PDB file of all heavy atoms in Angstrom:
ATOM      1  N   ALA A   1      46.380  84.504 -19.012  1.00  0.00           N
ATOM      2  CA  ALA A   1      46.571  84.049 -20.388  1.00  0.00           C
ATOM      3  C   ALA A   1      45.493  83.042 -20.786  1.00  0.00           C
ATOM      4  O   ALA A   1      44.992  83.063 -21.923  1.00  0.00           O
ATOM      5  CB  ALA A   1      47.958  83.431 -20.549  1.00  0.00           C
ATOM      6  N   THR A   2      45.106  82.186 -19.858  1.00  0.00           N
ATOM      7  CA  THR A   2      44.070  81.194 -20.136  1.00  0.00           C
ATOM      8  C   THR A   2      42.714  81.852 -20.348  1.00  0.00           C
ATOM      9  O   THR A   2      41.975  81.504 -21.279  1.00  0.00           O
ATOM     10  CB  THR A   2      43.986  80.192 -18.978  1.00  0.00           C
ATOM     11  OG1 THR A   2      45.257  79.542 -18.804  1.00  0.00           O
ATOM     12  CG2 THR A   2      42.924  79.141 -19.251  1.00  0.00           C
ATOM     13  N   VAL A   3      42.379  82.808 -19.495  1.00  0.00           N
ATOM     14  CA  VAL A   3      41.096  83.512 -19.639  1.00  0.00           C
ATOM     15  C   VAL A   3      41.047  84.274 -20.966  1.00  0.00           C
ATOM     16  O   VAL A   3      40.025  84.276 -21.664  1.00  0.00           O
ATOM     17  CB  VAL A   3      40.885  84.473 -18.454  1.00  0.00           C
ATOM     18  CG1 VAL A   3      39.653  85.352 -18.678  1.00  0.00           C
ATOM     19  CG2 VAL A   3      40.746  83.682 -17.151  1.00  0.00           C
ATOM     20  N   ALA A   4      42.166  84.908 -21.339  1.00  0.00           N
ATOM     21  CA  ALA A   4      42.227  85.621 -22.612  1.00  0.00           C
ATOM     22  C   ALA A   4      42.069  84.661 -23.789  1.00  0.00           C
ATOM     23  O   ALA A   4      41.384  84.973 -24.775  1.00  0.00           O
ATOM     24  CB  ALA A   4      43.544  86.385 -22.727  1.00  0.00           C
ATOM     25  N   SER A   5      42.681  83.488 -23.686  1.00  0.00           N
ATOM     26  CA  SER A   5      42.564  82.489 -24.755  1.00  0.00           C
ATOM     27  C   SER A   5      41.125  81.998 -24.890  1.00  0.00           C
ATOM     28  O   SER A   5      40.610  81.842 -26.004  1.00  0.00           O
ATOM     29  CB  SER A   5      43.493  81.311 -24.474  1.00  0.00           C
ATOM     30  OG  SER A   5      44.843  81.729 -24.415  1.00  0.00           O
ATOM     31  N   CYS A   6      40.463  81.756 -23.755  1.00  0.00           N
ATOM     32  CA  CYS A   6      39.063  81.321 -23.792  1.00  0.00           C
ATOM     33  C   CYS A   6      38.157  82.406 -24.368  1.00  0.00           C
ATOM     34  O   CYS A   6      37.187  82.111 -25.086  1.00  0.00           O
ATOM     35  CB  CYS A   6      38.600  80.939 -22.392  1.00  0.00           C
ATOM     36  SG  CYS A   6      39.385  79.453 -21.725  1.00  0.00           S
ATOM     37  N   ALA A   7      38.462  83.672 -24.054  1.00  0.00           N
ATOM     38  CA  ALA A   7      37.685  84.782 -24.607  1.00  0.00           C
ATOM     39  C   ALA A   7      37.844  84.863 -26.123  1.00  0.00           C
ATOM     40  O   ALA A   7      36.873  85.107 -26.853  1.00  0.00           O
ATOM     41  CB  ALA A   7      38.107  86.094 -23.954  1.00  0.00           C
ATOM     42  N   CYS A   8      39.065  84.638 -26.606  1.00  0.00           N
ATOM     43  CA  CYS A   8      39.306  84.656 -28.052  1.00  0.00           C
ATOM     44  C   CYS A   8      38.634  83.465 -28.738  1.00  0.00           C
ATOM     45  O   CYS A   8      38.082  83.597 -29.833  1.00  0.00           O
ATOM     46  CB  CYS A   8      40.804  84.639 -28.333  1.00  0.00           C
ATOM     47  SG  CYS A   8      41.666  86.140 -27.810  1.00  0.00           S
ATOM     48  N   LEU A   9      38.687  82.301 -28.094  1.00  0.00           N
ATOM     49  CA  LEU A   9      38.084  81.102 -28.671  1.00  0.00           C
ATOM     50  C   LEU A   9      36.566  81.227 -28.772  1.00  0.00           C
ATOM     51  O   LEU A   9      35.947  80.630 -29.654  1.00  0.00           O
ATOM     52  CB  LEU A   9      38.454  79.885 -27.820  1.00  0.00           C
ATOM     53  CG  LEU A   9      37.964  78.521 -28.306  1.00  0.00           C
ATOM     54  CD1 LEU A   9      38.548  78.191 -29.679  1.00  0.00           C
ATOM     55  CD2 LEU A   9      38.340  77.437 -27.301  1.00  0.00           C
ATOM     56  N   SER A  10      35.963  82.017 -27.886  1.00  0.00           N
ATOM     57  CA  SER A  10      34.500  82.156 -27.859  1.00  0.00           C
ATOM     58  C   SER A  10      33.973  83.198 -28.828  1.00  0.00           C
ATOM     59  O   SER A  10      32.744  83.401 -28.899  1.00  0.00           O
ATOM     60  CB  SER A  10      34.047  82.509 -26.436  1.00  0.00           C
ATOM     61  OG  SER A  10      34.502  81.561 -25.496  1.00  0.00           O
ATOM     62  N   ILE A  11      34.843  83.852 -29.575  1.00  0.00           N
ATOM     63  CA  ILE A  11      34.397  84.907 -30.496  1.00  0.00           C
ATOM     64  C   ILE A  11      33.453  84.365 -31.569  1.00  0.00           C
ATOM     65  O   ILE A  11      32.577  85.084 -32.067  1.00  0.00           O
ATOM     66  CB  ILE A  11      35.628  85.594 -31.124  1.00  0.00           C
ATOM     67  CG1 ILE A  11      36.362  86.419 -30.067  1.00  0.00           C
ATOM     68  CG2 ILE A  11      35.227  86.491 -32.285  1.00  0.00           C
ATOM     69  CD1 ILE A  11      37.606  87.110 -30.576  1.00  0.00           C
ATOM     70  N   TYR A  12      33.598  83.080 -31.907  1.00  0.00           N
ATOM     71  CA  TYR A  12      32.737  82.500 -32.941  1.00  0.00           C
ATOM     72  C   TYR A  12      31.258  82.614 -32.574  1.00  0.00           C
ATOM     73  O   TYR A  12      30.381  82.646 -33.461  1.00  0.00           O
ATOM     74  CB  TYR A  12      33.102  81.024 -33.153  1.00  0.00           C
ATOM     75  CG  TYR A  12      32.538  80.096 -32.100  1.00  0.00           C
ATOM     76  CD1 TYR A  12      31.324  79.451 -32.304  1.00  0.00           C
ATOM     77  CD2 TYR A  12      33.198  79.885 -30.899  1.00  0.00           C
ATOM     78  CE1 TYR A  12      30.800  78.609 -31.340  1.00  0.00           C
ATOM     79  CE2 TYR A  12      32.692  79.051 -29.941  1.00  0.00           C
ATOM     80  CZ  TYR A  12      31.488  78.412 -30.160  1.00  0.00           C
ATOM     81  OH  TYR A  12      30.970  77.586 -29.202  1.00  0.00           O
ATOM     82  N   VAL A  13      30.952  82.692 -31.264  1.00  0.00           N
ATOM     83  CA  VAL A  13      29.564  82.776 -30.810  1.00  0.00           C
ATOM     84  C   VAL A  13      28.877  84.029 -31.347  1.00  0.00           C
ATOM     85  O   VAL A  13      27.691  84.015 -31.682  1.00  0.00           O
ATOM     86  CB  VAL A  13      29.516  82.748 -29.269  1.00  0.00           C
ATOM     87  CG1 VAL A  13      28.098  82.978 -28.763  1.00  0.00           C
ATOM     88  CG2 VAL A  13      30.043  81.421 -28.749  1.00  0.00           C
ATOM     89  N   VAL A  14      29.633  85.116 -31.451  1.00  0.00           N
ATOM     90  CA  VAL A  14      29.066  86.375 -31.947  1.00  0.00           C
ATOM     91  C   VAL A  14      28.595  86.232 -33.393  1.00  0.00           C
ATOM     92  O   VAL A  14      27.661  86.925 -33.831  1.00  0.00           O
ATOM     93  CB  VAL A  14      30.113  87.502 -31.832  1.00  0.00           C
ATOM     94  CG1 VAL A  14      29.549  88.822 -32.322  1.00  0.00           C
ATOM     95  CG2 VAL A  14      30.581  87.644 -30.390  1.00  0.00           C
ATOM     96  N   VAL A  15      29.191  85.314 -34.120  1.00  0.00           N
ATOM     97  CA  VAL A  15      28.847  85.122 -35.527  1.00  0.00           C
ATOM     98  C   VAL A  15      27.717  84.111 -35.712  1.00  0.00           C
ATOM     99  O   VAL A  15      26.800  84.323 -36.507  1.00  0.00           O
ATOM    100  CB  VAL A  15      30.092  84.673 -36.329  1.00  0.00           C
ATOM    101  CG1 VAL A  15      29.741  84.454 -37.806  1.00  0.00           C
ATOM    102  CG2 VAL A  15      31.212  85.685 -36.191  1.00  0.00           C
ATOM    103  N   VAL A  16      27.750  83.010 -34.960  1.00  0.00           N
ATOM    104  CA  VAL A  16      26.829  81.905 -35.219  1.00  0.00           C
ATOM    105  C   VAL A  16      25.506  82.029 -34.470  1.00  0.00           C
ATOM    106  O   VAL A  16      24.527  81.349 -34.832  1.00  0.00           O
ATOM    107  CB  VAL A  16      27.485  80.554 -34.886  1.00  0.00           C
ATOM    108  CG1 VAL A  16      28.747  80.358 -35.697  1.00  0.00           C
ATOM    109  CG2 VAL A  16      27.795  80.433 -33.391  1.00  0.00           C
ATOM    110  N   TYR A  17      25.428  82.882 -33.439  1.00  0.00           N
ATOM    111  CA  TYR A  17      24.178  83.048 -32.699  1.00  0.00           C
ATOM    112  C   TYR A  17      23.458  84.319 -33.147  1.00  0.00           C
ATOM    113  O   TYR A  17      24.093  85.325 -33.473  1.00  0.00           O
ATOM    114  CB  TYR A  17      24.441  83.124 -31.193  1.00  0.00           C
ATOM    115  CG  TYR A  17      24.509  81.768 -30.524  1.00  0.00           C
ATOM    116  CD1 TYR A  17      25.705  81.054 -30.490  1.00  0.00           C
ATOM    117  CD2 TYR A  17      23.390  81.197 -29.944  1.00  0.00           C
ATOM    118  CE1 TYR A  17      25.776  79.805 -29.881  1.00  0.00           C
ATOM    119  CE2 TYR A  17      23.450  79.959 -29.331  1.00  0.00           C
ATOM    120  CZ  TYR A  17      24.640  79.274 -29.306  1.00  0.00           C
ATOM    121  OH  TYR A  17      24.714  78.030 -28.712  1.00  0.00           O
ATOM    122  N   ASP A  18      22.123  84.258 -33.122  1.00  0.00           N
ATOM    123  CA  ASP A  18      21.330  85.421 -33.515  1.00  0.00           C
ATOM    124  C   ASP A  18      19.931  85.291 -32.928  1.00  0.00           C
ATOM    125  O   ASP A  18      19.484  84.203 -32.563  1.00  0.00           O
ATOM    126  CB  ASP A  18      21.244  85.533 -35.038  1.00  0.00           C
ATOM    127  CG  ASP A  18      21.066  86.976 -35.490  1.00  0.00           C
ATOM    128  OD1 ASP A  18      20.724  87.819 -34.629  1.00  0.00           O
ATOM    129  OD2 ASP A  18      21.270  87.265 -36.676  1.00  0.00           O
ATOM    130  N   ALA A  19      19.242  86.431 -32.841  1.00  0.00           N
ATOM    131  CA  ALA A  19      17.870  86.453 -32.334  1.00  0.00           C
ATOM    132  C   ALA A  19      16.892  86.326 -33.494  1.00  0.00           C
ATOM    133  O   ALA A  19      17.087  86.922 -34.559  1.00  0.00           O
ATOM    134  CB  ALA A  19      17.620  87.754 -31.569  1.00  0.00           C
ATOM    135  N   PHE A  20      15.827  85.549 -33.272  1.00  0.00           N
ATOM    136  CA  PHE A  20      14.786  85.347 -34.280  1.00  0.00           C
ATOM    137  C   PHE A  20      13.445  85.721 -33.649  1.00  0.00           C
ATOM    138  O   PHE A  20      12.810  84.894 -32.990  1.00  0.00           O
ATOM    139  CB  PHE A  20      14.776  83.892 -34.753  1.00  0.00           C
ATOM    140  CG  PHE A  20      16.044  83.477 -35.459  1.00  0.00           C
ATOM    141  CD1 PHE A  20      17.093  82.910 -34.748  1.00  0.00           C
ATOM    142  CD2 PHE A  20      16.190  83.673 -36.822  1.00  0.00           C
ATOM    143  CE1 PHE A  20      18.258  82.531 -35.385  1.00  0.00           C
ATOM    144  CE2 PHE A  20      17.352  83.299 -37.473  1.00  0.00           C
ATOM    145  CZ  PHE A  20      18.389  82.731 -36.752  1.00  0.00           C
ATOM    146  N   PRO A  21      13.018  86.987 -33.831  1.00  0.00           N
ATOM    147  CA  PRO A  21      11.778  87.462 -33.185  1.00  0.00           C
ATOM    148  C   PRO A  21      10.539  86.662 -33.579  1.00  0.00           C
ATOM    149  O   PRO A  21       9.660  86.435 -32.741  1.00  0.00           O
ATOM    150  CB  PRO A  21      11.681  88.915 -33.661  1.00  0.00           C
ATOM    151  CG  PRO A  21      13.076  89.294 -34.044  1.00  0.00           C
ATOM    152  CD  PRO A  21      13.702  88.053 -34.577  1.00  0.00           C
ATOM    153  N   GLN A  22      10.429  86.250 -34.847  1.00  0.00           N
ATOM    154  CA  GLN A  22       9.240  85.520 -35.267  1.00  0.00           C
ATOM    155  C   GLN A  22       9.133  84.168 -34.564  1.00  0.00           C
ATOM    156  O   GLN A  22       8.047  83.756 -34.165  1.00  0.00           O
ATOM    157  CB  GLN A  22       9.265  85.325 -36.784  1.00  0.00           C
ATOM    158  CG  GLN A  22       9.161  86.648 -37.561  1.00  0.00           C
ATOM    159  CD  GLN A  22       9.179  86.426 -39.062  1.00  0.00           C
ATOM    160  OE1 GLN A  22       9.442  85.320 -39.539  1.00  0.00           O
ATOM    161  NE2 GLN A  22       8.905  87.481 -39.817  1.00  0.00           N
ATOM    162  N   ALA A  23      10.242  83.487 -34.417  1.00  0.00           N
ATOM    163  CA  ALA A  23      10.245  82.198 -33.717  1.00  0.00           C
ATOM    164  C   ALA A  23      10.417  82.349 -32.213  1.00  0.00           C
ATOM    165  O   ALA A  23      10.337  81.363 -31.482  1.00  0.00           O
ATOM    166  CB  ALA A  23      11.350  81.305 -34.268  1.00  0.00           C
ATOM    167  N   ARG A  24      10.684  83.593 -31.756  1.00  0.00           N
ATOM    168  CA  ARG A  24      10.898  83.888 -30.336  1.00  0.00           C
ATOM    169  C   ARG A  24      12.005  83.004 -29.765  1.00  0.00           C
ATOM    170  O   ARG A  24      11.852  82.346 -28.731  1.00  0.00           O
ATOM    171  CB  ARG A  24       9.594  83.711 -29.534  1.00  0.00           C
ATOM    172  CG  ARG A  24       8.466  84.626 -29.971  1.00  0.00           C
ATOM    173  CD  ARG A  24       7.275  84.509 -29.039  1.00  0.00           C
ATOM    174  NE  ARG A  24       7.620  84.898 -27.682  1.00  0.00           N
ATOM    175  CZ  ARG A  24       7.675  86.156 -27.243  1.00  0.00           C
ATOM    176  NH1 ARG A  24       7.399  87.157 -28.078  1.00  0.00           N
ATOM    177  NH2 ARG A  24       7.978  86.426 -25.996  1.00  0.00           N
ATOM    178  N   GLN A  25      13.147  83.030 -30.452  1.00  0.00           N
ATOM    179  CA  GLN A  25      14.288  82.216 -30.040  1.00  0.00           C
ATOM    180  C   GLN A  25      15.588  82.984 -30.222  1.00  0.00           C
ATOM    181  O   GLN A  25      15.693  83.847 -31.096  1.00  0.00           O
ATOM    182  CB  GLN A  25      14.360  80.912 -30.850  1.00  0.00           C
ATOM    183  CG  GLN A  25      13.291  79.893 -30.509  1.00  0.00           C
ATOM    184  CD  GLN A  25      13.477  78.612 -31.296  1.00  0.00           C
ATOM    185  OE1 GLN A  25      14.160  78.591 -32.320  1.00  0.00           O
ATOM    186  NE2 GLN A  25      12.865  77.544 -30.830  1.00  0.00           N
ATOM    187  N   CYS A  26      16.560  82.656 -29.382  1.00  0.00           N
ATOM    188  CA  CYS A  26      17.937  83.108 -29.544  1.00  0.00           C
ATOM    189  C   CYS A  26      18.758  81.846 -29.740  1.00  0.00           C
ATOM    190  O   CYS A  26      19.047  81.123 -28.774  1.00  0.00           O
ATOM    191  CB  CYS A  26      18.403  83.878 -28.309  1.00  0.00           C
ATOM    192  SG  CYS A  26      20.176  84.251 -28.304  1.00  0.00           S
ATOM    193  N   THR A  27      19.125  81.570 -30.972  1.00  0.00           N
ATOM    194  CA  THR A  27      19.740  80.285 -31.275  1.00  0.00           C
ATOM    195  C   THR A  27      20.724  80.413 -32.428  1.00  0.00           C
ATOM    196  O   THR A  27      20.965  81.518 -32.935  1.00  0.00           O
ATOM    197  CB  THR A  27      18.646  79.250 -31.608  1.00  0.00           C
ATOM    198  OG1 THR A  27      19.234  77.965 -31.792  1.00  0.00           O
ATOM    199  CG2 THR A  27      17.894  79.650 -32.866  1.00  0.00           C
ATOM    200  N   LEU A  28      21.260  79.287 -32.861  1.00  0.00           N
ATOM    201  CA  LEU A  28      22.217  79.259 -33.958  1.00  0.00           C
ATOM    202  C   LEU A  28      21.525  79.612 -35.263  1.00  0.00           C
ATOM    203  O   LEU A  28      20.374  79.232 -35.506  1.00  0.00           O
ATOM    204  CB  LEU A  28      22.849  77.868 -34.045  1.00  0.00           C
ATOM    205  CG  LEU A  28      23.659  77.455 -32.807  1.00  0.00           C
ATOM    206  CD1 LEU A  28      23.851  75.954 -32.768  1.00  0.00           C
ATOM    207  CD2 LEU A  28      25.001  78.159 -32.798  1.00  0.00           C
ATOM    208  N   ASN A  29      22.232  80.346 -36.108  1.00  0.00           N
ATOM    209  CA  ASN A  29      21.598  80.874 -37.316  1.00  0.00           C
ATOM    210  C   ASN A  29      21.841  80.050 -38.571  1.00  0.00           C
ATOM    211  O   ASN A  29      21.354  80.394 -39.640  1.00  0.00           O
ATOM    212  CB  ASN A  29      22.071  82.318 -37.568  1.00  0.00           C
ATOM    213  CG  ASN A  29      23.589  82.426 -37.585  1.00  0.00           C
ATOM    214  OD1 ASN A  29      24.305  81.460 -37.833  1.00  0.00           O
ATOM    215  ND2 ASN A  29      24.101  83.623 -37.305  1.00  0.00           N
ATOM    216  N   SER A  30      22.612  78.958 -38.476  1.00  0.00           N
ATOM    217  CA  SER A  30      22.876  78.141 -39.659  1.00  0.00           C
ATOM    218  C   SER A  30      23.350  76.758 -39.239  1.00  0.00           C
ATOM    219  O   SER A  30      23.738  76.534 -38.083  1.00  0.00           O
ATOM    220  CB  SER A  30      23.934  78.805 -40.549  1.00  0.00           C
ATOM    221  OG  SER A  30      25.183  78.867 -39.886  1.00  0.00           O
TER     222      SER A  30
END
């Protein structure tokens, strides 16, 4: 149950992180 909760809590990462080829970075997008 704890691992499932941590997996759900980490879903925000899929939204806030992105790749930026011009800057050659994988970082927060806003």
